[in-house]
Amino acid sequence: EIEMVVKKAVMRQSDKCYLLCDHTKLGKKHFFKMNDIYDFDALYIDDEIDEESLQKLKEMTQVVVCD
């Protein structure tokens, strides 16, 4: 919980916020929710993401697919 509070404070002070994750993190449920995808200026994700998920993410934020 403490880390989440610190990360939110850092994001509030930042000009730009980016999210880096791999495709295995999509659709997972966790005990804590830190942010919505809309809170990030861009999402960087690996190239193993399926096309349907990629299109949904592109509707919410800028997506950069990395190989």
PDB file of N, CA and C in Angstrom:
ATOM      1  N   GLU A   1       0.812  -1.203   0.000  1.00  0.00           N
ATOM      2  CA  GLU A   1       0.000   0.000   0.000  1.00  0.00           C
ATOM      3  C   GLU A   1       0.849   1.256   0.000  1.00  0.00           C
ATOM      4  N   ILE A   2       1.923   1.237   0.761  1.00  0.00           N
ATOM      5  CA  ILE A   2       2.795   2.409   0.849  1.00  0.00           C
ATOM      6  C   ILE A   2       3.414   2.724  -0.510  1.00  0.00           C
ATOM      7  N   GLU A   3       3.891   1.698  -1.202  1.00  0.00           N
ATOM      8  CA  GLU A   3       4.472   1.900  -2.533  1.00  0.00           C
ATOM      9  C   GLU A   3       3.466   2.528  -3.479  1.00  0.00           C
ATOM     10  N   MET A   4       2.220   2.102  -3.404  1.00  0.00           N
ATOM     11  CA  MET A   4       1.187   2.613  -4.287  1.00  0.00           C
ATOM     12  C   MET A   4       0.973   4.110  -4.035  1.00  0.00           C
ATOM     13  N   VAL A   5       0.955   4.524  -2.799  1.00  0.00           N
ATOM     14  CA  VAL A   5       0.773   5.931  -2.452  1.00  0.00           C
ATOM     15  C   VAL A   5       1.932   6.764  -3.000  1.00  0.00           C
ATOM     16  N   VAL A   6       3.134   6.264  -2.842  1.00  0.00           N
ATOM     17  CA  VAL A   6       4.319   6.970  -3.348  1.00  0.00           C
ATOM     18  C   VAL A   6       4.271   7.066  -4.873  1.00  0.00           C
ATOM     19  N   LYS A   7       3.938   5.974  -5.547  1.00  0.00           N
ATOM     20  CA  LYS A   7       3.884   5.979  -7.012  1.00  0.00           C
ATOM     21  C   LYS A   7       2.824   6.951  -7.522  1.00  0.00           C
ATOM     22  N   LYS A   8       1.678   7.021  -6.865  1.00  0.00           N
ATOM     23  CA  LYS A   8       0.628   7.967  -7.279  1.00  0.00           C
ATOM     24  C   LYS A   8       1.101   9.397  -7.106  1.00  0.00           C
ATOM     25  N   ALA A   9       1.817   9.677  -6.013  1.00  0.00           N
ATOM     26  CA  ALA A   9       2.334  11.026  -5.779  1.00  0.00           C
ATOM     27  C   ALA A   9       3.343  11.405  -6.849  1.00  0.00           C
ATOM     28  N   VAL A  10       4.211  10.485  -7.222  1.00  0.00           N
ATOM     29  CA  VAL A  10       5.203  10.741  -8.272  1.00  0.00           C
ATOM     30  C   VAL A  10       4.497  11.010  -9.597  1.00  0.00           C
ATOM     31  N   MET A  11       3.480  10.232  -9.912  1.00  0.00           N
ATOM     32  CA  MET A  11       2.747  10.426 -11.171  1.00  0.00           C
ATOM     33  C   MET A  11       2.081  11.799 -11.218  1.00  0.00           C
ATOM     34  N   ARG A  12       1.539  12.248 -10.091  1.00  0.00           N
ATOM     35  CA  ARG A  12       0.884  13.567 -10.051  1.00  0.00           C
ATOM     36  C   ARG A  12       1.877  14.692 -10.344  1.00  0.00           C
ATOM     37  N   GLN A  13       3.126  14.497  -9.982  1.00  0.00           N
ATOM     38  CA  GLN A  13       4.151  15.514 -10.175  1.00  0.00           C
ATOM     39  C   GLN A  13       4.841  15.428 -11.538  1.00  0.00           C
ATOM     40  N   SER A  14       4.560  14.392 -12.294  1.00  0.00           N
ATOM     41  CA  SER A  14       5.239  14.157 -13.570  1.00  0.00           C
ATOM     42  C   SER A  14       4.520  14.825 -14.729  1.00  0.00           C
ATOM     43  N   ASP A  15       5.306  15.262 -15.709  1.00  0.00           N
ATOM     44  CA  ASP A  15       4.727  15.819 -16.937  1.00  0.00           C
ATOM     45  C   ASP A  15       4.155  14.722 -17.816  1.00  0.00           C
ATOM     46  N   LYS A  16       4.845  13.605 -17.878  1.00  0.00           N
ATOM     47  CA  LYS A  16       4.431  12.460 -18.697  1.00  0.00           C
ATOM     48  C   LYS A  16       4.567  11.192 -17.876  1.00  0.00           C
ATOM     49  N   CYS A  17       3.650  10.247 -18.113  1.00  0.00           N
ATOM     50  CA  CYS A  17       3.691   8.961 -17.417  1.00  0.00           C
ATOM     51  C   CYS A  17       3.544   7.840 -18.436  1.00  0.00           C
ATOM     52  N   TYR A  18       4.420   6.860 -18.341  1.00  0.00           N
ATOM     53  CA  TYR A  18       4.425   5.739 -19.269  1.00  0.00           C
ATOM     54  C   TYR A  18       4.284   4.433 -18.494  1.00  0.00           C
ATOM     55  N   LEU A  19       3.626   3.481 -19.118  1.00  0.00           N
ATOM     56  CA  LEU A  19       3.454   2.159 -18.521  1.00  0.00           C
ATOM     57  C   LEU A  19       4.178   1.138 -19.392  1.00  0.00           C
ATOM     58  N   LEU A  20       4.987   0.327 -18.756  1.00  0.00           N
ATOM     59  CA  LEU A  20       5.712  -0.736 -19.442  1.00  0.00           C
ATOM     60  C   LEU A  20       5.227  -2.064 -18.891  1.00  0.00           C
ATOM     61  N   CYS A  21       4.713  -2.935 -19.761  1.00  0.00           N
ATOM     62  CA  CYS A  21       4.271  -4.255 -19.302  1.00  0.00           C
ATOM     63  C   CYS A  21       4.328  -5.253 -20.453  1.00  0.00           C
ATOM     64  N   ASP A  22       4.219  -6.523 -20.110  1.00  0.00           N
ATOM     65  CA  ASP A  22       4.155  -7.539 -21.158  1.00  0.00           C
ATOM     66  C   ASP A  22       2.721  -8.056 -21.251  1.00  0.00           C
ATOM     67  N   HIS A  23       2.430  -8.752 -22.327  1.00  0.00           N
ATOM     68  CA  HIS A  23       1.060  -9.169 -22.627  1.00  0.00           C
ATOM     69  C   HIS A  23       0.454 -10.074 -21.557  1.00  0.00           C
ATOM     70  N   THR A  24       1.266 -10.742 -20.768  1.00  0.00           N
ATOM     71  CA  THR A  24       0.728 -11.653 -19.745  1.00  0.00           C
ATOM     72  C   THR A  24       0.056 -10.909 -18.593  1.00  0.00           C
ATOM     73  N   LYS A  25       0.282  -9.609 -18.487  1.00  0.00           N
ATOM     74  CA  LYS A  25      -0.311  -8.816 -17.404  1.00  0.00           C
ATOM     75  C   LYS A  25      -1.736  -8.354 -17.737  1.00  0.00           C
ATOM     76  N   LEU A  26      -2.135  -8.448 -18.977  1.00  0.00           N
ATOM     77  CA  LEU A  26      -3.454  -7.964 -19.400  1.00  0.00           C
ATOM     78  C   LEU A  26      -4.569  -8.846 -18.845  1.00  0.00           C
ATOM     79  N   GLY A  27      -5.627  -8.213 -18.386  1.00  0.00           N
ATOM     80  CA  GLY A  27      -6.799  -8.942 -17.925  1.00  0.00           C
ATOM     81  C   GLY A  27      -6.679  -9.564 -16.543  1.00  0.00           C
ATOM     82  N   LYS A  28      -5.614  -9.279 -15.831  1.00  0.00           N
ATOM     83  CA  LYS A  28      -5.407  -9.849 -14.498  1.00  0.00           C
ATOM     84  C   LYS A  28      -6.125  -9.002 -13.447  1.00  0.00           C
ATOM     85  N   LYS A  29      -6.625  -9.640 -12.433  1.00  0.00           N
ATOM     86  CA  LYS A  29      -7.255  -8.960 -11.298  1.00  0.00           C
ATOM     87  C   LYS A  29      -6.287  -8.994 -10.127  1.00  0.00           C
ATOM     88  N   HIS A  30      -6.173  -7.869  -9.434  1.00  0.00           N
ATOM     89  CA  HIS A  30      -5.283  -7.777  -8.289  1.00  0.00           C
ATOM     90  C   HIS A  30      -6.021  -7.133  -7.125  1.00  0.00           C
ATOM     91  N   PHE A  31      -5.461  -7.245  -5.953  1.00  0.00           N
ATOM     92  CA  PHE A  31      -6.078  -6.709  -4.750  1.00  0.00           C
ATOM     93  C   PHE A  31      -6.144  -5.182  -4.776  1.00  0.00           C
ATOM     94  N   PHE A  32      -5.092  -4.540  -5.286  1.00  0.00           N
ATOM     95  CA  PHE A  32      -5.035  -3.085  -5.360  1.00  0.00           C
ATOM     96  C   PHE A  32      -5.066  -2.639  -6.809  1.00  0.00           C
ATOM     97  N   LYS A  33      -5.728  -1.518  -7.047  1.00  0.00           N
ATOM     98  CA  LYS A  33      -5.709  -0.898  -8.371  1.00  0.00           C
ATOM     99  C   LYS A  33      -5.017   0.454  -8.225  1.00  0.00           C
ATOM    100  N   MET A  34      -3.923   0.625  -8.950  1.00  0.00           N
ATOM    101  CA  MET A  34      -3.172   1.865  -8.823  1.00  0.00           C
ATOM    102  C   MET A  34      -3.707   2.948  -9.749  1.00  0.00           C
ATOM    103  N   ASN A  35      -3.861   2.625 -11.020  1.00  0.00           N
ATOM    104  CA  ASN A  35      -4.280   3.603 -12.018  1.00  0.00           C
ATOM    105  C   ASN A  35      -5.084   2.936 -13.114  1.00  0.00           C
ATOM    106  N   ASP A  36      -5.768   3.772 -13.881  1.00  0.00           N
ATOM    107  CA  ASP A  36      -6.422   3.319 -15.098  1.00  0.00           C
ATOM    108  C   ASP A  36      -5.453   3.504 -16.255  1.00  0.00           C
ATOM    109  N   ILE A  37      -5.676   2.788 -17.312  1.00  0.00           N
ATOM    110  CA  ILE A  37      -4.826   2.909 -18.501  1.00  0.00           C
ATOM    111  C   ILE A  37      -4.879   4.341 -19.042  1.00  0.00           C
ATOM    112  N   TYR A  38      -6.007   5.009 -18.828  1.00  0.00           N
ATOM    113  CA  TYR A  38      -6.176   6.389 -19.288  1.00  0.00           C
ATOM    114  C   TYR A  38      -5.207   7.354 -18.600  1.00  0.00           C
ATOM    115  N   ASP A  39      -4.692   6.977 -17.452  1.00  0.00           N
ATOM    116  CA  ASP A  39      -3.793   7.845 -16.688  1.00  0.00           C
ATOM    117  C   ASP A  39      -2.388   7.923 -17.275  1.00  0.00           C
ATOM    118  N   PHE A  40      -2.094   7.076 -18.246  1.00  0.00           N
ATOM    119  CA  PHE A  40      -0.756   7.022 -18.834  1.00  0.00           C
ATOM    120  C   PHE A  40      -0.754   7.675 -20.213  1.00  0.00           C
ATOM    121  N   ASP A  41       0.353   8.337 -20.519  1.00  0.00           N
ATOM    122  CA  ASP A  41       0.496   8.973 -21.828  1.00  0.00           C
ATOM    123  C   ASP A  41       0.754   7.944 -22.917  1.00  0.00           C
ATOM    124  N   ALA A  42       1.351   6.829 -22.558  1.00  0.00           N
ATOM    125  CA  ALA A  42       1.601   5.766 -23.523  1.00  0.00           C
ATOM    126  C   ALA A  42       1.844   4.455 -22.783  1.00  0.00           C
ATOM    127  N   LEU A  43       1.548   3.385 -23.483  1.00  0.00           N
ATOM    128  CA  LEU A  43       1.787   2.030 -22.985  1.00  0.00           C
ATOM    129  C   LEU A  43       2.806   1.370 -23.906  1.00  0.00           C
ATOM    130  N   TYR A  44       3.855   0.827 -23.324  1.00  0.00           N
ATOM    131  CA  TYR A  44       4.858   0.059 -24.062  1.00  0.00           C
ATOM    132  C   TYR A  44       4.631  -1.409 -23.727  1.00  0.00           C
ATOM    133  N   ILE A  45       4.408  -2.229 -24.754  1.00  0.00           N
ATOM    134  CA  ILE A  45       4.068  -3.632 -24.544  1.00  0.00           C
ATOM    135  C   ILE A  45       4.788  -4.517 -25.559  1.00  0.00           C
ATOM    136  N   ASP A  46       4.998  -5.760 -25.186  1.00  0.00           N
ATOM    137  CA  ASP A  46       5.709  -6.688 -26.080  1.00  0.00           C
ATOM    138  C   ASP A  46       4.844  -7.067 -27.285  1.00  0.00           C
ATOM    139  N   ASP A  47       5.488  -7.625 -28.293  1.00  0.00           N
ATOM    140  CA  ASP A  47       4.811  -7.925 -29.558  1.00  0.00           C
ATOM    141  C   ASP A  47       4.016  -9.232 -29.546  1.00  0.00           C
ATOM    142  N   GLU A  48       3.870  -9.854 -28.403  1.00  0.00           N
ATOM    143  CA  GLU A  48       3.073 -11.084 -28.322  1.00  0.00           C
ATOM    144  C   GLU A  48       1.609 -10.816 -27.978  1.00  0.00           C
ATOM    145  N   ILE A  49       1.240  -9.560 -27.901  1.00  0.00           N
ATOM    146  CA  ILE A  49      -0.137  -9.175 -27.604  1.00  0.00           C
ATOM    147  C   ILE A  49      -1.043  -9.566 -28.780  1.00  0.00           C
ATOM    148  N   ASP A  50      -2.241 -10.049 -28.473  1.00  0.00           N
ATOM    149  CA  ASP A  50      -3.166 -10.414 -29.553  1.00  0.00           C
ATOM    150  C   ASP A  50      -3.802  -9.148 -30.133  1.00  0.00           C
ATOM    151  N   GLU A  51      -4.237  -9.246 -31.367  1.00  0.00           N
ATOM    152  CA  GLU A  51      -4.747  -8.091 -32.114  1.00  0.00           C
ATOM    153  C   GLU A  51      -5.974  -7.458 -31.446  1.00  0.00           C
ATOM    154  N   GLU A  52      -6.865  -8.258 -30.910  1.00  0.00           N
ATOM    155  CA  GLU A  52      -8.074  -7.730 -30.263  1.00  0.00           C
ATOM    156  C   GLU A  52      -7.713  -6.880 -29.046  1.00  0.00           C
ATOM    157  N   SER A  53      -6.822  -7.378 -28.214  1.00  0.00           N
ATOM    158  CA  SER A  53      -6.388  -6.623 -27.027  1.00  0.00           C
ATOM    159  C   SER A  53      -5.665  -5.347 -27.437  1.00  0.00           C
ATOM    160  N   LEU A  54      -4.846  -5.441 -28.468  1.00  0.00           N
ATOM    161  CA  LEU A  54      -4.117  -4.282 -28.957  1.00  0.00           C
ATOM    162  C   LEU A  54      -5.075  -3.184 -29.406  1.00  0.00           C
ATOM    163  N   GLN A  55      -6.099  -3.548 -30.140  1.00  0.00           N
ATOM    164  CA  GLN A  55      -7.061  -2.556 -30.618  1.00  0.00           C
ATOM    165  C   GLN A  55      -7.811  -1.903 -29.460  1.00  0.00           C
ATOM    166  N   LYS A  56      -8.185  -2.683 -28.454  1.00  0.00           N
ATOM    167  CA  LYS A  56      -8.866  -2.127 -27.281  1.00  0.00           C
ATOM    168  C   LYS A  56      -7.980  -1.129 -26.551  1.00  0.00           C
ATOM    169  N   LEU A  57      -6.702  -1.469 -26.405  1.00  0.00           N
ATOM    170  CA  LEU A  57      -5.769  -0.568 -25.728  1.00  0.00           C
ATOM    171  C   LEU A  57      -5.563   0.716 -26.523  1.00  0.00           C
ATOM    172  N   LYS A  58      -5.501   0.610 -27.836  1.00  0.00           N
ATOM    173  CA  LYS A  58      -5.306   1.789 -28.680  1.00  0.00           C
ATOM    174  C   LYS A  58      -6.472   2.763 -28.581  1.00  0.00           C
ATOM    175  N   GLU A  59      -7.642   2.274 -28.192  1.00  0.00           N
ATOM    176  CA  GLU A  59      -8.785   3.158 -27.971  1.00  0.00           C
ATOM    177  C   GLU A  59      -8.654   3.969 -26.692  1.00  0.00           C
ATOM    178  N   MET A  60      -7.764   3.521 -25.802  1.00  0.00           N
ATOM    179  CA  MET A  60      -7.615   4.165 -24.491  1.00  0.00           C
ATOM    180  C   MET A  60      -6.372   5.027 -24.355  1.00  0.00           C
ATOM    181  N   THR A  61      -5.310   4.699 -25.060  1.00  0.00           N
ATOM    182  CA  THR A  61      -4.055   5.432 -24.931  1.00  0.00           C
ATOM    183  C   THR A  61      -3.164   5.123 -26.133  1.00  0.00           C
ATOM    184  N   GLN A  62      -2.061   5.839 -26.228  1.00  0.00           N
ATOM    185  CA  GLN A  62      -1.073   5.552 -27.269  1.00  0.00           C
ATOM    186  C   GLN A  62      -0.381   4.238 -26.894  1.00  0.00           C
ATOM    187  N   VAL A  63      -0.200   3.365 -27.870  1.00  0.00           N
ATOM    188  CA  VAL A  63       0.431   2.062 -27.614  1.00  0.00           C
ATOM    189  C   VAL A  63       1.667   1.917 -28.507  1.00  0.00           C
ATOM    190  N   VAL A  64       2.758   1.515 -27.885  1.00  0.00           N
ATOM    191  CA  VAL A  64       3.993   1.255 -28.611  1.00  0.00           C
ATOM    192  C   VAL A  64       4.303  -0.223 -28.423  1.00  0.00           C
ATOM    193  N   VAL A  65       4.317  -0.973 -29.517  1.00  0.00           N
ATOM    194  CA  VAL A  65       4.606  -2.409 -29.467  1.00  0.00           C
ATOM    195  C   VAL A  65       6.103  -2.590 -29.685  1.00  0.00           C
ATOM    196  N   CYS A  66       6.715  -3.298 -28.751  1.00  0.00           N
ATOM    197  CA  CYS A  66       8.172  -3.516 -28.783  1.00  0.00           C
ATOM    198  C   CYS A  66       8.477  -4.975 -29.084  1.00  0.00           C
ATOM    199  N   ASP A  67       9.477  -5.198 -29.899  1.00  0.00           N
ATOM    200  CA  ASP A  67       9.872  -6.585 -30.176  1.00  0.00           C
ATOM    201  C   ASP A  67      11.114  -6.978 -29.410  1.00  0.00           C
TER     202      ASP A  67
END
